[in-house]
Amino acid sequence: MYCPAHFQLDDEKIIFQLIQQYSFAHLVSCRNGVLEINQIPFLLDTSQRCLYAHVAKSNSHWKMLEKADDLKVCFSGPDAYISPNWFSHSQGVPTWNFVSVQITGKATLMDETQLLQLLIDLSAKHEANLKNPWTIEKLQSKKLDAMLKAIVGFKVSIDAIDAKAKLSQNHPPEEVQRLIAGLQQQNSHDATQVAEWMNRFL
């Protein structure tokens, strides 16, 4: 990942928070020159320093994971356009602010017991804020068995982290405040989130 020093994000606490919040990521692997990319939700385990996920068994990507020459999981946080009109001077240029994390690691396939626990944990995470959370116990055993046979779970070790927060840190604080104000005036959820991240770094 190209990352100028002033955009480098090294705080693992912030990085892991971003992964947990924006957990739908690109799984990228290369094997013998063949590149495979899929988007799937991941579950972060900070204590074991790894990521968990699953794909459909009919998705051949899983067959190359353990033997991949290179493997990355790419998380994208909020992003938003920055208008030159928001600067206090006339020499601003159009740009884009964003936050992203790339994890490099090795993949290991799960057994059925581990896969079942992953499904329980994933659904618990994403159902937590719903009024009537769904749980896997609501599935009939026949349906659950069929589902487990139709998917493949895997773990990705967190061997290296590259994280970038391009949030206008290369501008004076008063200019950053103007950019934040410009973003807050947009009717956009992403713009609002980028403004929040900029405030956090400011």
N, C-alpha and C. Protein backbone atom coordinates (compact mmCIF):
# COMPACT_ATOMS: atom_id res chain seq x y z
N MET A 1 0.85 -1.20 0.00
CA MET A 1 0.00 0.00 0.00
C MET A 1 0.88 1.24 0.00
N TYR A 2 0.62 2.16 -0.93
CA TYR A 2 1.31 3.43 -0.93
C TYR A 2 0.78 4.27 0.22
N CYS A 3 1.69 4.77 1.06
CA CYS A 3 1.23 5.53 2.22
C CYS A 3 2.29 6.52 2.67
N PRO A 4 2.12 7.82 2.34
CA PRO A 4 3.03 8.84 2.87
C PRO A 4 3.01 8.82 4.40
N ALA A 5 4.12 9.22 4.98
CA ALA A 5 4.28 9.12 6.44
C ALA A 5 3.18 9.81 7.21
N HIS A 6 2.70 10.98 6.70
CA HIS A 6 1.70 11.73 7.47
C HIS A 6 0.31 11.08 7.42
N PHE A 7 0.13 10.05 6.59
CA PHE A 7 -1.15 9.34 6.55
C PHE A 7 -1.06 7.95 7.18
N GLN A 8 0.12 7.60 7.66
CA GLN A 8 0.33 6.27 8.23
C GLN A 8 -0.47 6.12 9.53
N LEU A 9 -1.19 5.00 9.63
CA LEU A 9 -1.96 4.69 10.84
C LEU A 9 -1.32 3.50 11.54
N ASP A 10 -0.79 3.73 12.75
CA ASP A 10 -0.05 2.69 13.46
C ASP A 10 -0.74 2.21 14.72
N ASP A 11 -1.75 2.92 15.18
CA ASP A 11 -2.42 2.58 16.44
C ASP A 11 -3.31 1.35 16.23
N GLU A 12 -2.89 0.22 16.78
CA GLU A 12 -3.65 -1.03 16.57
C GLU A 12 -5.05 -0.96 17.17
N LYS A 13 -5.21 -0.23 18.24
CA LYS A 13 -6.54 -0.10 18.82
C LYS A 13 -7.51 0.52 17.82
N ILE A 14 -7.07 1.59 17.16
CA ILE A 14 -7.90 2.25 16.15
C ILE A 14 -8.08 1.34 14.94
N ILE A 15 -7.01 0.67 14.53
CA ILE A 15 -7.07 -0.23 13.38
C ILE A 15 -8.08 -1.35 13.62
N PHE A 16 -8.04 -1.95 14.79
CA PHE A 16 -8.96 -3.05 15.08
C PHE A 16 -10.40 -2.54 15.19
N GLN A 17 -10.57 -1.33 15.71
CA GLN A 17 -11.92 -0.75 15.76
C GLN A 17 -12.47 -0.57 14.35
N LEU A 18 -11.61 -0.14 13.45
CA LEU A 18 -12.03 0.06 12.07
C LEU A 18 -12.42 -1.28 11.42
N ILE A 19 -11.62 -2.31 11.66
CA ILE A 19 -11.93 -3.64 11.12
C ILE A 19 -13.26 -4.14 11.65
N GLN A 20 -13.50 -3.94 12.92
CA GLN A 20 -14.76 -4.39 13.51
C GLN A 20 -15.95 -3.63 12.96
N GLN A 21 -15.77 -2.33 12.71
CA GLN A 21 -16.87 -1.51 12.22
C GLN A 21 -17.15 -1.72 10.74
N TYR A 22 -16.08 -1.89 9.95
CA TYR A 22 -16.22 -2.06 8.50
C TYR A 22 -15.72 -3.45 8.12
N SER A 23 -16.42 -4.45 8.58
CA SER A 23 -15.92 -5.83 8.51
C SER A 23 -16.19 -6.54 7.19
N PHE A 24 -16.91 -5.90 6.26
CA PHE A 24 -17.16 -6.48 4.95
C PHE A 24 -15.99 -6.10 4.05
N ALA A 25 -15.13 -7.08 3.73
CA ALA A 25 -13.84 -6.77 3.13
C ALA A 25 -13.56 -7.59 1.87
N HIS A 26 -12.53 -7.18 1.15
CA HIS A 26 -12.05 -7.92 -0.02
C HIS A 26 -11.03 -8.96 0.43
N LEU A 27 -11.28 -10.21 0.09
CA LEU A 27 -10.31 -11.28 0.27
C LEU A 27 -9.56 -11.43 -1.05
N VAL A 28 -8.26 -11.20 -1.00
CA VAL A 28 -7.44 -11.21 -2.22
C VAL A 28 -6.33 -12.25 -2.05
N SER A 29 -6.24 -13.19 -2.99
CA SER A 29 -5.17 -14.18 -2.93
C SER A 29 -4.62 -14.44 -4.31
N CYS A 30 -3.35 -14.82 -4.33
CA CYS A 30 -2.68 -15.12 -5.60
C CYS A 30 -1.98 -16.47 -5.47
N ARG A 31 -2.19 -17.32 -6.48
CA ARG A 31 -1.59 -18.65 -6.49
C ARG A 31 -1.12 -18.94 -7.91
N ASN A 32 0.18 -19.13 -8.07
CA ASN A 32 0.76 -19.41 -9.39
C ASN A 32 0.35 -18.37 -10.44
N GLY A 33 0.33 -17.12 -10.01
CA GLY A 33 0.00 -16.04 -10.93
C GLY A 33 -1.47 -15.81 -11.17
N VAL A 34 -2.33 -16.61 -10.55
CA VAL A 34 -3.78 -16.45 -10.69
C VAL A 34 -4.31 -15.66 -9.50
N LEU A 35 -4.93 -14.52 -9.79
CA LEU A 35 -5.46 -13.64 -8.75
C LEU A 35 -6.95 -13.90 -8.56
N GLU A 36 -7.36 -14.02 -7.31
CA GLU A 36 -8.77 -14.25 -6.98
C GLU A 36 -9.19 -13.21 -5.94
N ILE A 37 -10.36 -12.58 -6.16
CA ILE A 37 -10.86 -11.55 -5.25
C ILE A 37 -12.34 -11.79 -4.99
N ASN A 38 -12.71 -11.79 -3.72
CA ASN A 38 -14.12 -11.89 -3.34
C ASN A 38 -14.38 -10.99 -2.14
N GLN A 39 -15.60 -10.50 -2.02
CA GLN A 39 -16.00 -9.69 -0.87
C GLN A 39 -16.83 -10.52 0.09
N ILE A 40 -16.43 -10.56 1.35
CA ILE A 40 -17.13 -11.34 2.36
C ILE A 40 -16.99 -10.66 3.73
N PRO A 41 -17.89 -10.96 4.66
CA PRO A 41 -17.77 -10.41 6.02
C PRO A 41 -16.75 -11.20 6.84
N PHE A 42 -15.98 -10.49 7.63
CA PHE A 42 -14.97 -11.11 8.48
C PHE A 42 -15.27 -10.85 9.95
N LEU A 43 -14.77 -11.73 10.79
CA LEU A 43 -14.88 -11.58 12.24
C LEU A 43 -13.47 -11.49 12.79
N LEU A 44 -13.20 -10.45 13.57
CA LEU A 44 -11.87 -10.22 14.13
C LEU A 44 -11.75 -10.84 15.52
N ASP A 45 -10.63 -11.53 15.74
CA ASP A 45 -10.29 -12.06 17.06
C ASP A 45 -8.97 -11.42 17.46
N THR A 46 -9.05 -10.38 18.31
CA THR A 46 -7.84 -9.66 18.69
C THR A 46 -6.92 -10.49 19.58
N SER A 47 -7.49 -11.35 20.42
CA SER A 47 -6.67 -12.14 21.33
C SER A 47 -5.82 -13.15 20.58
N GLN A 48 -6.36 -13.72 19.50
CA GLN A 48 -5.62 -14.69 18.70
C GLN A 48 -4.94 -14.04 17.49
N ARG A 49 -5.20 -12.73 17.30
CA ARG A 49 -4.65 -11.98 16.18
C ARG A 49 -4.93 -12.69 14.84
N CYS A 50 -6.23 -12.88 14.59
CA CYS A 50 -6.63 -13.54 13.35
C CYS A 50 -8.02 -13.07 12.93
N LEU A 51 -8.38 -13.42 11.71
CA LEU A 51 -9.68 -13.12 11.14
C LEU A 51 -10.36 -14.43 10.78
N TYR A 52 -11.70 -14.46 10.91
CA TYR A 52 -12.47 -15.65 10.54
C TYR A 52 -13.50 -15.26 9.48
N ALA A 53 -13.76 -16.18 8.57
CA ALA A 53 -14.76 -15.93 7.54
C ALA A 53 -15.16 -17.26 6.90
N HIS A 54 -16.14 -17.18 6.01
CA HIS A 54 -16.54 -18.37 5.26
C HIS A 54 -17.01 -17.97 3.87
N VAL A 55 -16.95 -18.92 2.96
CA VAL A 55 -17.45 -18.74 1.59
C VAL A 55 -18.29 -19.95 1.22
N ALA A 56 -19.06 -19.80 0.15
CA ALA A 56 -19.83 -20.93 -0.35
C ALA A 56 -18.88 -22.00 -0.88
N LYS A 57 -19.20 -23.25 -0.65
CA LYS A 57 -18.35 -24.32 -1.14
C LYS A 57 -18.27 -24.31 -2.67
N SER A 58 -19.31 -23.78 -3.31
CA SER A 58 -19.30 -23.68 -4.76
C SER A 58 -18.37 -22.58 -5.26
N ASN A 59 -17.89 -21.72 -4.35
CA ASN A 59 -16.91 -20.68 -4.68
C ASN A 59 -15.52 -21.30 -4.59
N SER A 60 -14.88 -21.50 -5.72
CA SER A 60 -13.60 -22.22 -5.75
C SER A 60 -12.45 -21.47 -5.08
N HIS A 61 -12.69 -20.25 -4.65
CA HIS A 61 -11.63 -19.46 -4.02
C HIS A 61 -11.02 -20.20 -2.82
N TRP A 62 -11.85 -20.88 -2.06
CA TRP A 62 -11.35 -21.54 -0.85
C TRP A 62 -10.30 -22.61 -1.14
N LYS A 63 -10.35 -23.19 -2.33
CA LYS A 63 -9.43 -24.27 -2.67
C LYS A 63 -7.99 -23.81 -2.79
N MET A 64 -7.79 -22.51 -3.03
CA MET A 64 -6.44 -21.99 -3.20
C MET A 64 -5.92 -21.24 -1.98
N LEU A 65 -6.74 -21.11 -0.94
CA LEU A 65 -6.37 -20.27 0.19
C LEU A 65 -5.13 -20.75 0.93
N GLU A 66 -5.12 -22.04 1.31
CA GLU A 66 -4.01 -22.54 2.12
C GLU A 66 -2.70 -22.57 1.34
N LYS A 67 -2.78 -22.66 0.01
CA LYS A 67 -1.58 -22.73 -0.82
C LYS A 67 -1.27 -21.42 -1.52
N ALA A 68 -1.95 -20.36 -1.12
CA ALA A 68 -1.75 -19.06 -1.78
C ALA A 68 -0.32 -18.56 -1.61
N ASP A 69 0.23 -18.00 -2.67
CA ASP A 69 1.56 -17.38 -2.59
C ASP A 69 1.48 -16.07 -1.82
N ASP A 70 0.39 -15.36 -1.99
CA ASP A 70 0.14 -14.11 -1.26
C ASP A 70 -1.33 -14.03 -0.91
N LEU A 71 -1.64 -13.50 0.26
CA LEU A 71 -3.03 -13.37 0.68
C LEU A 71 -3.18 -12.08 1.49
N LYS A 72 -4.18 -11.30 1.12
CA LYS A 72 -4.49 -10.08 1.85
C LYS A 72 -6.00 -9.97 2.07
N VAL A 73 -6.36 -9.31 3.16
CA VAL A 73 -7.75 -8.94 3.42
C VAL A 73 -7.77 -7.42 3.50
N CYS A 74 -8.57 -6.80 2.65
CA CYS A 74 -8.57 -5.34 2.51
C CYS A 74 -9.87 -4.75 3.02
N PHE A 75 -9.78 -3.97 4.08
CA PHE A 75 -10.94 -3.33 4.70
C PHE A 75 -10.99 -1.86 4.28
N SER A 76 -12.16 -1.42 3.87
CA SER A 76 -12.35 -0.02 3.47
C SER A 76 -13.28 0.67 4.45
N GLY A 77 -12.77 1.74 5.06
CA GLY A 77 -13.59 2.55 5.94
C GLY A 77 -14.36 3.57 5.11
N PRO A 78 -14.84 4.64 5.73
CA PRO A 78 -15.60 5.65 4.99
C PRO A 78 -14.69 6.42 4.03
N ASP A 79 -15.29 6.95 2.97
CA ASP A 79 -14.54 7.78 2.03
C ASP A 79 -15.44 8.91 1.55
N ALA A 80 -14.83 10.02 1.14
CA ALA A 80 -15.62 11.17 0.69
C ALA A 80 -14.75 12.13 -0.13
N TYR A 81 -15.39 12.78 -1.07
CA TYR A 81 -14.74 13.79 -1.92
C TYR A 81 -14.52 15.08 -1.13
N ILE A 82 -13.36 15.70 -1.36
CA ILE A 82 -13.03 16.97 -0.73
C ILE A 82 -12.98 18.05 -1.82
N SER A 83 -13.83 19.05 -1.72
CA SER A 83 -13.89 20.12 -2.73
C SER A 83 -12.87 21.22 -2.45
N PRO A 84 -12.19 21.72 -3.50
CA PRO A 84 -11.27 22.85 -3.33
C PRO A 84 -11.97 24.11 -2.80
N ASN A 85 -13.27 24.20 -3.04
CA ASN A 85 -14.02 25.38 -2.59
C ASN A 85 -14.08 25.51 -1.08
N TRP A 86 -13.78 24.43 -0.37
CA TRP A 86 -13.88 24.47 1.08
C TRP A 86 -12.64 25.07 1.74
N PHE A 87 -11.56 25.22 1.00
CA PHE A 87 -10.35 25.82 1.56
C PHE A 87 -10.51 27.34 1.67
N SER A 88 -9.68 27.94 2.48
CA SER A 88 -9.74 29.39 2.67
C SER A 88 -9.00 30.14 1.57
N HIS A 89 -8.27 29.41 0.73
CA HIS A 89 -7.49 30.01 -0.35
C HIS A 89 -7.92 29.40 -1.68
N SER A 90 -7.37 29.92 -2.76
CA SER A 90 -7.78 29.49 -4.10
C SER A 90 -6.89 28.41 -4.69
N GLN A 91 -5.93 27.91 -3.92
CA GLN A 91 -4.98 26.94 -4.45
C GLN A 91 -5.25 25.51 -3.97
N GLY A 92 -6.41 25.28 -3.39
CA GLY A 92 -6.78 23.92 -3.04
C GLY A 92 -7.10 23.13 -4.30
N VAL A 93 -6.96 21.82 -4.23
CA VAL A 93 -7.26 20.97 -5.38
C VAL A 93 -8.23 19.86 -4.95
N PRO A 94 -8.99 19.31 -5.90
CA PRO A 94 -9.89 18.20 -5.54
C PRO A 94 -9.09 17.01 -5.02
N THR A 95 -9.63 16.36 -4.02
CA THR A 95 -8.98 15.16 -3.49
C THR A 95 -10.02 14.27 -2.85
N TRP A 96 -9.57 13.15 -2.30
CA TRP A 96 -10.47 12.19 -1.68
C TRP A 96 -9.89 11.77 -0.34
N ASN A 97 -10.69 11.81 0.69
CA ASN A 97 -10.27 11.35 2.01
C ASN A 97 -10.86 9.98 2.29
N PHE A 98 -10.09 9.15 2.99
CA PHE A 98 -10.55 7.78 3.24
C PHE A 98 -9.70 7.13 4.33
N VAL A 99 -10.18 5.99 4.80
CA VAL A 99 -9.45 5.18 5.76
C VAL A 99 -9.48 3.74 5.26
N SER A 100 -8.33 3.06 5.29
CA SER A 100 -8.30 1.68 4.83
C SER A 100 -7.24 0.88 5.57
N VAL A 101 -7.46 -0.44 5.61
CA VAL A 101 -6.54 -1.37 6.29
C VAL A 101 -6.33 -2.59 5.42
N GLN A 102 -5.07 -3.01 5.31
CA GLN A 102 -4.76 -4.24 4.59
C GLN A 102 -4.05 -5.20 5.54
N ILE A 103 -4.59 -6.40 5.63
CA ILE A 103 -4.01 -7.46 6.47
C ILE A 103 -3.34 -8.48 5.57
N THR A 104 -2.10 -8.81 5.88
CA THR A 104 -1.39 -9.88 5.17
C THR A 104 -1.28 -11.07 6.11
N GLY A 105 -1.60 -12.27 5.61
CA GLY A 105 -1.54 -13.44 6.47
C GLY A 105 -1.61 -14.74 5.71
N LYS A 106 -1.74 -15.81 6.48
CA LYS A 106 -1.87 -17.16 5.92
C LYS A 106 -3.23 -17.72 6.32
N ALA A 107 -3.81 -18.48 5.42
CA ALA A 107 -5.14 -19.04 5.68
C ALA A 107 -5.07 -20.50 6.09
N THR A 108 -5.99 -20.87 6.99
CA THR A 108 -6.15 -22.25 7.43
C THR A 108 -7.63 -22.59 7.40
N LEU A 109 -7.99 -23.71 6.80
CA LEU A 109 -9.39 -24.11 6.73
C LEU A 109 -9.88 -24.61 8.08
N MET A 110 -11.17 -24.42 8.36
CA MET A 110 -11.78 -24.83 9.63
C MET A 110 -12.44 -26.20 9.51
N ASP A 111 -12.58 -26.84 10.65
CA ASP A 111 -13.41 -28.05 10.68
C ASP A 111 -14.85 -27.62 10.95
N GLU A 112 -15.78 -28.57 10.94
CA GLU A 112 -17.20 -28.23 11.05
C GLU A 112 -17.56 -27.62 12.40
N THR A 113 -16.90 -28.06 13.47
CA THR A 113 -17.17 -27.50 14.80
C THR A 113 -16.77 -26.04 14.85
N GLN A 114 -15.60 -25.72 14.30
CA GLN A 114 -15.14 -24.33 14.26
C GLN A 114 -16.04 -23.47 13.37
N LEU A 115 -16.49 -24.07 12.27
CA LEU A 115 -17.37 -23.35 11.35
C LEU A 115 -18.70 -23.01 12.02
N LEU A 116 -19.25 -23.95 12.75
CA LEU A 116 -20.50 -23.70 13.45
C LEU A 116 -20.34 -22.57 14.45
N GLN A 117 -19.23 -22.55 15.18
CA GLN A 117 -19.00 -21.48 16.16
C GLN A 117 -18.87 -20.14 15.45
N LEU A 118 -18.24 -20.14 14.28
CA LEU A 118 -18.11 -18.90 13.52
C LEU A 118 -19.48 -18.36 13.13
N LEU A 119 -20.37 -19.23 12.68
CA LEU A 119 -21.72 -18.80 12.29
C LEU A 119 -22.47 -18.22 13.49
N ILE A 120 -22.29 -18.85 14.63
CA ILE A 120 -22.93 -18.36 15.86
C ILE A 120 -22.40 -16.96 16.21
N ASP A 121 -21.07 -16.81 16.15
CA ASP A 121 -20.44 -15.54 16.52
C ASP A 121 -20.76 -14.43 15.52
N LEU A 122 -20.75 -14.76 14.23
CA LEU A 122 -21.06 -13.77 13.21
C LEU A 122 -22.49 -13.24 13.33
N SER A 123 -23.42 -14.17 13.49
CA SER A 123 -24.81 -13.74 13.60
C SER A 123 -25.03 -12.96 14.89
N ALA A 124 -24.37 -13.35 15.98
CA ALA A 124 -24.50 -12.62 17.24
C ALA A 124 -24.01 -11.19 17.10
N LYS A 125 -22.90 -11.01 16.38
CA LYS A 125 -22.36 -9.66 16.18
C LYS A 125 -23.33 -8.78 15.40
N HIS A 126 -23.84 -9.30 14.29
CA HIS A 126 -24.64 -8.46 13.40
C HIS A 126 -26.12 -8.39 13.80
N GLU A 127 -26.54 -9.24 14.70
CA GLU A 127 -27.92 -9.19 15.19
C GLU A 127 -28.02 -8.42 16.50
N ALA A 128 -26.88 -8.06 17.07
CA ALA A 128 -26.84 -7.49 18.43
C ALA A 128 -27.72 -6.26 18.60
N ASN A 129 -27.82 -5.42 17.58
CA ASN A 129 -28.58 -4.17 17.71
C ASN A 129 -30.01 -4.27 17.21
N LEU A 130 -30.43 -5.47 16.84
CA LEU A 130 -31.80 -5.65 16.35
C LEU A 130 -32.74 -5.95 17.51
N LYS A 131 -34.00 -5.60 17.33
CA LYS A 131 -34.97 -5.73 18.41
C LYS A 131 -35.18 -7.18 18.81
N ASN A 132 -35.30 -8.05 17.81
CA ASN A 132 -35.47 -9.48 18.08
C ASN A 132 -34.36 -10.25 17.38
N PRO A 133 -33.20 -10.37 18.02
CA PRO A 133 -32.05 -11.00 17.37
C PRO A 133 -32.33 -12.43 16.93
N TRP A 134 -31.88 -12.73 15.72
CA TRP A 134 -31.97 -14.09 15.20
C TRP A 134 -30.80 -14.90 15.75
N THR A 135 -31.06 -16.16 16.09
CA THR A 135 -29.99 -17.07 16.52
C THR A 135 -30.06 -18.34 15.70
N ILE A 136 -28.94 -19.01 15.61
CA ILE A 136 -28.86 -20.19 14.77
C ILE A 136 -29.72 -21.35 15.28
N GLU A 137 -30.09 -21.28 16.56
CA GLU A 137 -30.95 -22.31 17.14
C GLU A 137 -32.33 -22.35 16.49
N LYS A 138 -32.69 -21.28 15.79
CA LYS A 138 -33.99 -21.23 15.13
C LYS A 138 -34.04 -22.10 13.88
N LEU A 139 -32.88 -22.55 13.42
CA LEU A 139 -32.85 -23.43 12.25
C LEU A 139 -33.13 -24.87 12.66
N GLN A 140 -33.89 -25.59 11.85
CA GLN A 140 -34.06 -27.01 12.06
C GLN A 140 -32.72 -27.71 11.80
N SER A 141 -32.46 -28.79 12.50
CA SER A 141 -31.17 -29.47 12.40
C SER A 141 -30.87 -29.90 10.96
N LYS A 142 -31.89 -30.29 10.23
CA LYS A 142 -31.70 -30.71 8.84
C LYS A 142 -31.22 -29.53 7.99
N LYS A 143 -31.81 -28.37 8.21
CA LYS A 143 -31.43 -27.18 7.48
C LYS A 143 -30.01 -26.74 7.85
N LEU A 144 -29.69 -26.80 9.15
CA LEU A 144 -28.37 -26.41 9.61
C LEU A 144 -27.29 -27.33 9.04
N ASP A 145 -27.56 -28.64 9.05
CA ASP A 145 -26.60 -29.60 8.49
C ASP A 145 -26.34 -29.33 7.01
N ALA A 146 -27.40 -29.02 6.30
CA ALA A 146 -27.27 -28.74 4.86
C ALA A 146 -26.45 -27.47 4.64
N MET A 147 -26.68 -26.46 5.49
CA MET A 147 -25.96 -25.20 5.36
C MET A 147 -24.47 -25.40 5.63
N LEU A 148 -24.15 -26.17 6.68
CA LEU A 148 -22.76 -26.41 7.03
C LEU A 148 -22.01 -27.15 5.92
N LYS A 149 -22.72 -28.00 5.21
CA LYS A 149 -22.10 -28.75 4.11
C LYS A 149 -21.91 -27.88 2.86
N ALA A 150 -22.62 -26.74 2.82
CA ALA A 150 -22.59 -25.90 1.62
C ALA A 150 -21.60 -24.74 1.73
N ILE A 151 -20.92 -24.60 2.88
CA ILE A 151 -19.97 -23.51 3.06
C ILE A 151 -18.65 -24.03 3.61
N VAL A 152 -17.62 -23.21 3.47
CA VAL A 152 -16.28 -23.55 3.95
C VAL A 152 -15.77 -22.39 4.80
N GLY A 153 -15.37 -22.69 6.03
CA GLY A 153 -14.83 -21.67 6.92
C GLY A 153 -13.32 -21.67 6.91
N PHE A 154 -12.74 -20.52 7.21
CA PHE A 154 -11.28 -20.44 7.25
C PHE A 154 -10.84 -19.33 8.20
N LYS A 155 -9.59 -19.44 8.63
CA LYS A 155 -8.96 -18.46 9.52
C LYS A 155 -7.79 -17.82 8.78
N VAL A 156 -7.61 -16.52 8.96
CA VAL A 156 -6.46 -15.81 8.38
C VAL A 156 -5.65 -15.21 9.51
N SER A 157 -4.39 -15.60 9.61
CA SER A 157 -3.51 -15.03 10.63
C SER A 157 -3.20 -13.57 10.27
N ILE A 158 -3.03 -12.75 11.29
CA ILE A 158 -2.64 -11.35 11.07
C ILE A 158 -1.13 -11.27 11.22
N ASP A 159 -0.42 -11.41 10.10
CA ASP A 159 1.04 -11.40 10.11
C ASP A 159 1.61 -10.00 9.91
N ALA A 160 0.89 -9.18 9.17
CA ALA A 160 1.34 -7.80 8.92
C ALA A 160 0.13 -6.92 8.69
N ILE A 161 0.26 -5.65 9.10
CA ILE A 161 -0.83 -4.68 8.96
C ILE A 161 -0.31 -3.43 8.26
N ASP A 162 -1.01 -3.03 7.21
CA ASP A 162 -0.77 -1.74 6.57
C ASP A 162 -2.05 -0.94 6.68
N ALA A 163 -1.99 0.22 7.31
CA ALA A 163 -3.20 1.02 7.52
C ALA A 163 -2.94 2.47 7.15
N LYS A 164 -3.94 3.05 6.50
CA LYS A 164 -3.82 4.42 6.00
C LYS A 164 -5.05 5.23 6.36
N ALA A 165 -4.82 6.40 6.93
CA ALA A 165 -5.90 7.33 7.24
C ALA A 165 -5.57 8.64 6.53
N LYS A 166 -6.09 8.81 5.33
CA LYS A 166 -5.85 10.05 4.57
C LYS A 166 -6.97 11.02 4.92
N LEU A 167 -6.69 11.86 5.90
CA LEU A 167 -7.73 12.71 6.48
C LEU A 167 -7.28 14.17 6.57
N SER A 168 -6.51 14.59 5.57
CA SER A 168 -6.06 15.98 5.46
C SER A 168 -5.10 16.40 6.56
N GLN A 169 -4.35 15.42 7.11
CA GLN A 169 -3.38 15.77 8.16
C GLN A 169 -2.24 16.64 7.63
N ASN A 170 -2.10 16.72 6.30
CA ASN A 170 -1.05 17.52 5.70
C ASN A 170 -1.45 19.00 5.55
N HIS A 171 -2.60 19.37 6.12
CA HIS A 171 -3.06 20.76 6.09
C HIS A 171 -3.12 21.32 7.51
N PRO A 172 -3.02 22.64 7.66
CA PRO A 172 -3.12 23.27 8.99
C PRO A 172 -4.47 22.96 9.62
N PRO A 173 -4.53 22.90 10.96
CA PRO A 173 -5.77 22.57 11.66
C PRO A 173 -6.96 23.44 11.27
N GLU A 174 -6.72 24.73 11.02
CA GLU A 174 -7.83 25.61 10.66
C GLU A 174 -8.41 25.25 9.29
N GLU A 175 -7.56 24.76 8.39
CA GLU A 175 -8.06 24.33 7.08
C GLU A 175 -8.83 23.02 7.22
N VAL A 176 -8.33 22.13 8.06
CA VAL A 176 -9.02 20.86 8.30
C VAL A 176 -10.42 21.13 8.85
N GLN A 177 -10.54 22.10 9.73
CA GLN A 177 -11.85 22.46 10.29
C GLN A 177 -12.80 22.92 9.18
N ARG A 178 -12.29 23.67 8.21
CA ARG A 178 -13.12 24.10 7.09
C ARG A 178 -13.58 22.92 6.25
N LEU A 179 -12.68 21.97 6.04
CA LEU A 179 -13.03 20.78 5.26
C LEU A 179 -14.08 19.94 5.99
N ILE A 180 -13.93 19.84 7.30
CA ILE A 180 -14.91 19.12 8.11
C ILE A 180 -16.28 19.78 7.97
N ALA A 181 -16.30 21.10 8.05
CA ALA A 181 -17.57 21.83 7.91
C ALA A 181 -18.18 21.59 6.54
N GLY A 182 -17.34 21.56 5.50
CA GLY A 182 -17.84 21.29 4.16
C GLY A 182 -18.45 19.91 4.05
N LEU A 183 -17.81 18.92 4.64
CA LEU A 183 -18.34 17.55 4.62
C LEU A 183 -19.66 17.45 5.39
N GLN A 184 -19.73 18.13 6.51
CA GLN A 184 -20.93 18.07 7.34
C GLN A 184 -22.16 18.68 6.66
N GLN A 185 -21.92 19.51 5.67
CA GLN A 185 -23.03 20.13 4.94
C GLN A 185 -23.56 19.24 3.81
N GLN A 186 -22.86 18.15 3.55
CA GLN A 186 -23.29 17.25 2.47
C GLN A 186 -24.37 16.30 3.00
N ASN A 187 -25.28 15.96 2.12
CA ASN A 187 -26.32 15.00 2.50
C ASN A 187 -25.82 13.59 2.21
N SER A 188 -24.81 13.18 2.99
CA SER A 188 -24.15 11.91 2.71
C SER A 188 -23.68 11.27 4.02
N HIS A 189 -24.04 10.02 4.21
CA HIS A 189 -23.62 9.29 5.40
C HIS A 189 -22.10 9.13 5.41
N ASP A 190 -21.51 8.80 4.25
CA ASP A 190 -20.05 8.64 4.18
C ASP A 190 -19.33 9.94 4.49
N ALA A 191 -19.83 11.06 3.96
CA ALA A 191 -19.21 12.36 4.23
C ALA A 191 -19.23 12.66 5.73
N THR A 192 -20.34 12.36 6.37
CA THR A 192 -20.46 12.59 7.81
C THR A 192 -19.46 11.73 8.57
N GLN A 193 -19.31 10.47 8.14
CA GLN A 193 -18.37 9.57 8.82
C GLN A 193 -16.93 10.02 8.62
N VAL A 194 -16.60 10.47 7.42
CA VAL A 194 -15.24 10.98 7.18
C VAL A 194 -14.98 12.20 8.06
N ALA A 195 -15.97 13.08 8.18
CA ALA A 195 -15.83 14.26 9.04
C ALA A 195 -15.56 13.83 10.48
N GLU A 196 -16.24 12.79 10.93
CA GLU A 196 -16.04 12.30 12.30
C GLU A 196 -14.61 11.78 12.49
N TRP A 197 -14.12 11.04 11.48
CA TRP A 197 -12.75 10.54 11.56
C TRP A 197 -11.74 11.69 11.52
N MET A 198 -12.00 12.69 10.72
CA MET A 198 -11.09 13.85 10.67
C MET A 198 -11.07 14.57 12.01
N ASN A 199 -12.23 14.73 12.63
CA ASN A 199 -12.28 15.34 13.95
C ASN A 199 -11.49 14.53 14.96
N ARG A 200 -11.58 13.22 14.82
CA ARG A 200 -10.87 12.32 15.74
C ARG A 200 -9.35 12.52 15.64
N PHE A 201 -8.85 12.66 14.42
CA PHE A 201 -7.41 12.83 14.22
C PHE A 201 -6.97 14.26 14.48
N LEU A 202 -7.88 15.21 14.30
CA LEU A 202 -7.55 16.61 14.55
C LEU A 202 -7.31 16.86 16.03
